[in-house]
Amino acid sequence: MRYFIELSYNGAAYHGWQNQPKDISVQEVVEKALSMLLKEDISIMGAGRTDTGVHASQMFAHFDTHVVFNDLNLVYKLNSYLPKDIAIRNILKVKDDAHARFDAVSRTYLYRIALKKDVFLFDNSFFVKQNLNVDKMNQASEILFKYKDFQCFSKSNTDVKTYYCDIMKAKWTLENDELHFVIKADRFLRNMVRAIVGTMINIGLGKIEVEDLHTIIKSKNRSEAGFSVPAHALYLTEVEYPNDIEIDE
């Protein structure tokens, strides 16, 4: 049977989601826990590849097993076994051909900017002490909807076949002493959200104009876009799937 596992994690201690030759990853830790508890070698496929230090309040992965188990019991056992920075939220039985990565119809990310120095926020938000023009940053966000090719925001030397992404939402909002950027798309390129946020910050600071974003995107050149903001303030918050992917029992 194939199962989806829903989880969340604090990415501070991990070199991203995907298995690495020499460094610890979230995928590796979860695979080892599943293999130990189910007593067979389990490999999992995630909905995406979060970078080193990036967090997820919702991530999905799928795995196959011949073992019959109680879903709730396995969730409890996994949470007891896993470290404190990884939490299992749910295990769902899905169709045999369901795929955590390819069947996802959208992903949503949140980036958190702290607007004042706060000793309780520096670990999970990016502090910007200068004043930001949020109206201009939202004007720039609207420009993203006019394009599909976002090569200018992609990390160089990636193995992707296309730089096309369908952005469905991009908006800045003030939340108390934080500025939140929420962006939703069918897919994201490596480093894409962090490069977009860095470019938006430059617009908010008045270093570049809103209309300059057109030129940046059309250039397809990463060096034309803004700096890449730190990973520790980025969160994968939602992954959406078709309604018929789960098997009703």
Protein backbone atom coordinates (compact mmCIF):
# COMPACT_ATOMS: atom_id res chain seq x y z
CA MET A 1 0.00 0.00 0.00
CA ARG A 2 1.01 3.59 -0.56
CA TYR A 3 0.68 6.20 2.17
CA PHE A 4 1.06 9.95 2.45
CA ILE A 5 2.73 11.20 5.60
CA GLU A 6 2.00 14.78 6.68
CA LEU A 7 4.65 16.41 8.81
CA SER A 8 6.16 19.66 10.00
CA TYR A 9 9.73 20.51 10.91
CA ASN A 10 12.07 23.19 12.13
CA GLY A 11 14.80 23.17 9.52
CA ALA A 12 17.54 24.89 11.55
CA ALA A 13 19.50 21.70 12.23
CA TYR A 14 19.11 20.16 8.76
CA HIS A 15 20.71 20.56 5.35
CA GLY A 16 17.32 20.77 3.71
CA TRP A 17 14.70 18.14 3.06
CA GLN A 18 16.48 15.90 0.57
CA ASN A 19 19.05 13.24 1.45
CA GLN A 20 22.67 14.43 1.29
CA PRO A 21 25.87 12.35 0.93
CA LYS A 22 27.52 13.75 4.05
CA ASP A 23 25.02 16.03 5.80
CA ILE A 24 21.89 15.30 7.82
CA SER A 25 18.52 15.90 6.14
CA VAL A 26 14.89 15.73 7.25
CA GLN A 27 14.22 12.96 4.72
CA GLU A 28 16.99 10.79 6.16
CA VAL A 29 15.75 11.13 9.74
CA VAL A 30 12.14 10.28 8.82
CA GLU A 31 13.18 7.33 6.64
CA LYS A 32 15.25 5.86 9.45
CA ALA A 33 12.37 6.22 11.91
CA LEU A 34 9.86 4.59 9.55
CA SER A 35 12.26 1.77 8.70
CA MET A 36 12.92 1.07 12.36
CA LEU A 37 9.26 1.03 13.39
CA LEU A 38 7.96 -0.91 10.36
CA LYS A 39 10.99 -3.24 10.34
CA GLU A 40 11.63 -2.90 6.60
CA ASP A 41 13.60 -0.49 4.44
CA ILE A 42 11.41 2.52 3.75
CA SER A 43 12.21 5.31 1.30
CA ILE A 44 10.06 8.43 1.07
CA MET A 45 9.44 11.00 -1.68
CA GLY A 46 8.71 14.54 -0.55
CA ALA A 47 6.44 17.15 -2.11
CA GLY A 48 9.44 19.38 -2.67
CA ARG A 49 13.01 20.17 -1.68
CA THR A 50 13.29 22.81 1.01
CA ASP A 51 16.80 24.27 1.27
CA THR A 52 19.16 24.20 4.24
CA GLY A 53 17.60 25.97 7.21
CA VAL A 54 14.12 26.35 5.68
CA HIS A 55 11.16 25.23 7.80
CA ALA A 56 7.86 23.54 6.96
CA SER A 57 4.61 23.82 8.87
CA GLN A 58 3.14 21.43 6.31
CA MET A 59 5.07 18.97 4.17
CA PHE A 60 3.88 15.76 2.55
CA ALA A 61 5.82 12.69 1.48
CA HIS A 62 4.74 9.27 0.22
CA PHE A 63 6.06 5.80 1.02
CA ASP A 64 5.18 2.20 0.18
CA THR A 65 5.05 -0.69 2.63
CA HIS A 66 3.82 -4.28 2.87
CA VAL A 67 3.32 -3.88 6.62
CA VAL A 68 -0.20 -3.53 7.99
CA PHE A 69 -0.32 -0.93 10.77
CA ASN A 70 -2.66 1.27 12.75
CA ASP A 71 -2.33 4.84 11.45
CA LEU A 72 -2.83 6.56 14.81
CA ASN A 73 -0.47 4.21 16.61
CA LEU A 74 2.25 4.77 14.02
CA VAL A 75 1.84 8.57 14.28
CA TYR A 76 2.23 8.30 18.06
CA LYS A 77 5.27 6.02 17.83
CA LEU A 78 6.96 8.18 15.21
CA ASN A 79 6.49 11.33 17.28
CA SER A 80 7.90 9.54 20.32
CA TYR A 81 10.94 8.38 18.35
CA LEU A 82 11.69 11.43 16.20
CA PRO A 83 13.64 14.45 17.51
CA LYS A 84 11.76 17.45 18.86
CA ASP A 85 12.19 19.44 15.62
CA ILE A 86 10.22 16.99 13.44
CA ALA A 87 6.53 16.26 14.08
CA ILE A 88 4.21 13.84 12.28
CA ARG A 89 0.71 15.22 11.85
CA ASN A 90 -1.08 12.50 9.92
CA ILE A 91 -0.72 9.33 7.84
CA LEU A 92 -3.16 8.81 4.97
CA LYS A 93 -3.79 5.80 2.77
CA VAL A 94 -3.75 6.94 -0.87
CA LYS A 95 -4.11 5.50 -4.35
CA ASP A 96 -1.26 3.29 -5.54
CA ASP A 97 -0.16 5.81 -8.16
CA ALA A 98 -0.47 8.89 -5.93
CA HIS A 99 2.75 10.94 -5.92
CA ALA A 100 3.63 13.50 -3.25
CA ARG A 101 5.66 15.62 -5.65
CA PHE A 102 4.01 15.30 -9.05
CA ASP A 103 0.39 15.31 -7.86
CA ALA A 104 0.73 18.49 -5.80
CA VAL A 105 -1.25 21.27 -7.47
CA SER A 106 0.22 24.13 -5.44
CA ARG A 107 2.72 25.05 -2.74
CA THR A 108 2.54 28.08 -0.46
CA TYR A 109 5.47 29.75 1.29
CA LEU A 110 5.63 32.40 4.01
CA TYR A 111 8.57 34.73 4.59
CA ARG A 112 8.71 36.61 7.90
CA ILE A 113 10.44 39.98 8.30
CA ALA A 114 10.79 41.47 11.80
CA LEU A 115 10.37 45.23 11.80
CA LYS A 116 11.89 45.78 15.23
CA LYS A 117 14.65 44.08 17.17
CA ASP A 118 13.05 41.28 19.19
CA VAL A 119 15.01 38.70 21.16
CA PHE A 120 12.26 36.13 20.59
CA LEU A 121 12.13 36.55 16.82
CA PHE A 122 15.74 36.49 15.58
CA ASP A 123 15.77 32.69 15.21
CA ASN A 124 12.70 32.55 12.98
CA SER A 125 12.43 35.90 11.17
CA PHE A 126 14.70 38.27 9.26
CA PHE A 127 15.22 41.63 10.97
CA VAL A 128 15.20 44.65 8.68
CA LYS A 129 15.84 47.87 10.62
CA GLN A 130 15.27 50.29 7.72
CA ASN A 131 11.77 51.49 6.84
CA LEU A 132 10.17 49.54 4.00
CA ASN A 133 7.58 50.91 1.58
CA VAL A 134 5.02 48.09 1.72
CA ASP A 135 2.77 49.68 -0.91
CA LYS A 136 5.58 49.60 -3.47
CA MET A 137 6.42 46.01 -2.51
CA ASN A 138 2.81 45.00 -3.16
CA GLN A 139 2.83 46.86 -6.47
CA ALA A 140 5.87 44.79 -7.41
CA SER A 141 4.07 41.61 -6.30
CA GLU A 142 1.34 42.32 -8.86
CA ILE A 143 3.97 42.33 -11.62
CA LEU A 144 4.82 38.68 -10.85
CA PHE A 145 1.40 37.62 -12.18
CA LYS A 146 2.29 38.95 -15.63
CA TYR A 147 5.11 36.42 -16.15
CA LYS A 148 5.77 32.68 -16.21
CA ASP A 149 9.53 32.44 -16.75
CA PHE A 150 11.38 33.17 -13.50
CA GLN A 151 14.90 32.13 -14.41
CA CYS A 152 16.18 35.40 -12.95
CA PHE A 153 15.23 34.17 -9.47
CA SER A 154 16.59 30.65 -9.86
CA LYS A 155 19.82 29.35 -8.40
CA SER A 156 22.41 28.76 -11.11
CA ASN A 157 23.43 25.29 -12.31
CA THR A 158 20.13 23.59 -11.52
CA ASP A 159 18.89 20.51 -13.38
CA VAL A 160 15.39 21.83 -14.15
CA LYS A 161 13.99 21.51 -17.66
CA THR A 162 11.87 24.66 -17.44
CA TYR A 163 11.87 27.87 -15.44
CA TYR A 164 8.12 28.31 -15.87
CA CYS A 165 6.00 28.73 -12.73
CA ASP A 166 2.36 29.73 -12.36
CA ILE A 167 2.18 32.19 -9.46
CA MET A 168 -1.33 32.24 -7.97
CA LYS A 169 -0.79 34.53 -4.98
CA ALA A 170 1.87 37.03 -3.90
CA LYS A 171 1.11 39.56 -1.18
CA TRP A 172 2.76 41.49 1.66
CA THR A 173 0.82 42.11 4.88
CA LEU A 174 1.67 43.78 8.19
CA GLU A 175 1.17 41.45 11.17
CA ASN A 176 1.89 43.37 14.40
CA ASP A 177 5.65 43.97 14.35
CA GLU A 178 6.27 41.67 11.38
CA LEU A 179 5.92 41.93 7.64
CA HIS A 180 4.73 38.70 6.04
CA PHE A 181 5.12 37.72 2.39
CA VAL A 182 2.87 34.88 1.23
CA ILE A 183 3.45 33.39 -2.21
CA LYS A 184 1.60 30.48 -3.82
CA ALA A 185 2.48 28.73 -7.09
CA ASP A 186 2.22 25.39 -8.83
CA ARG A 187 5.98 24.95 -8.42
CA PHE A 188 9.06 26.86 -7.28
CA LEU A 189 12.63 26.99 -8.51
CA ARG A 190 15.60 26.57 -6.17
CA ASN A 191 16.15 29.73 -4.12
CA MET A 192 13.25 31.40 -5.96
CA VAL A 193 11.29 32.71 -2.98
CA ARG A 194 14.37 34.02 -1.18
CA ALA A 195 15.54 35.83 -4.35
CA ILE A 196 12.09 37.35 -4.90
CA VAL A 197 11.97 38.59 -1.30
CA GLY A 198 15.46 40.09 -1.56
CA THR A 199 14.46 41.91 -4.73
CA MET A 200 11.25 43.16 -3.10
CA ILE A 201 13.22 44.46 -0.11
CA ASN A 202 15.41 46.48 -2.50
CA ILE A 203 12.21 47.95 -3.96
CA GLY A 204 10.86 48.67 -0.47
CA LEU A 205 14.10 50.44 0.43
CA GLY A 206 14.01 52.55 -2.73
CA LYS A 207 17.20 51.05 -4.15
CA ILE A 208 15.35 50.10 -7.33
CA GLU A 209 11.99 51.15 -8.74
CA VAL A 210 8.87 49.00 -9.00
CA GLU A 211 8.98 49.06 -12.80
CA ASP A 212 12.56 47.78 -12.76
CA LEU A 213 11.13 44.37 -11.89
CA HIS A 214 9.96 43.97 -15.51
CA THR A 215 13.53 44.38 -16.75
CA ILE A 216 14.89 42.02 -14.10
CA ILE A 217 12.45 39.22 -14.98
CA LYS A 218 12.95 39.65 -18.73
CA SER A 219 16.74 39.48 -18.30
CA LYS A 220 16.56 35.82 -17.12
CA ASN A 221 19.79 36.64 -15.30
CA ARG A 222 20.15 35.86 -11.58
CA SER A 223 22.74 38.60 -11.13
CA GLU A 224 20.15 41.21 -12.14
CA ALA A 225 17.80 40.27 -9.27
CA GLY A 226 18.25 41.14 -5.60
CA PHE A 227 20.11 39.38 -2.82
CA SER A 228 18.96 36.06 -1.40
CA VAL A 229 17.42 36.59 2.04
CA PRO A 230 18.36 34.20 4.90
CA ALA A 231 16.71 30.79 4.93
CA HIS A 232 15.75 30.74 8.62
CA ALA A 233 12.74 33.03 8.04
CA LEU A 234 11.20 30.95 5.23
CA TYR A 235 8.39 28.46 5.81
CA LEU A 236 6.60 26.01 3.53
CA THR A 237 3.08 26.40 4.89
CA GLU A 238 0.77 24.44 2.60
CA VAL A 239 0.82 21.78 -0.11
CA GLU A 240 -2.45 21.13 -1.95
CA TYR A 241 -3.59 17.98 -3.76
CA PRO A 242 -6.65 16.87 -5.73
CA ASN A 243 -9.53 15.79 -3.49
CA ASP A 244 -9.68 12.25 -4.91
CA ILE A 245 -6.11 11.24 -4.03
CA GLU A 246 -6.98 9.69 -0.65
CA ILE A 247 -8.65 6.30 -0.22
CA ASP A 248 -11.74 6.33 2.02
CA GLU A 249 -11.82 3.41 4.41
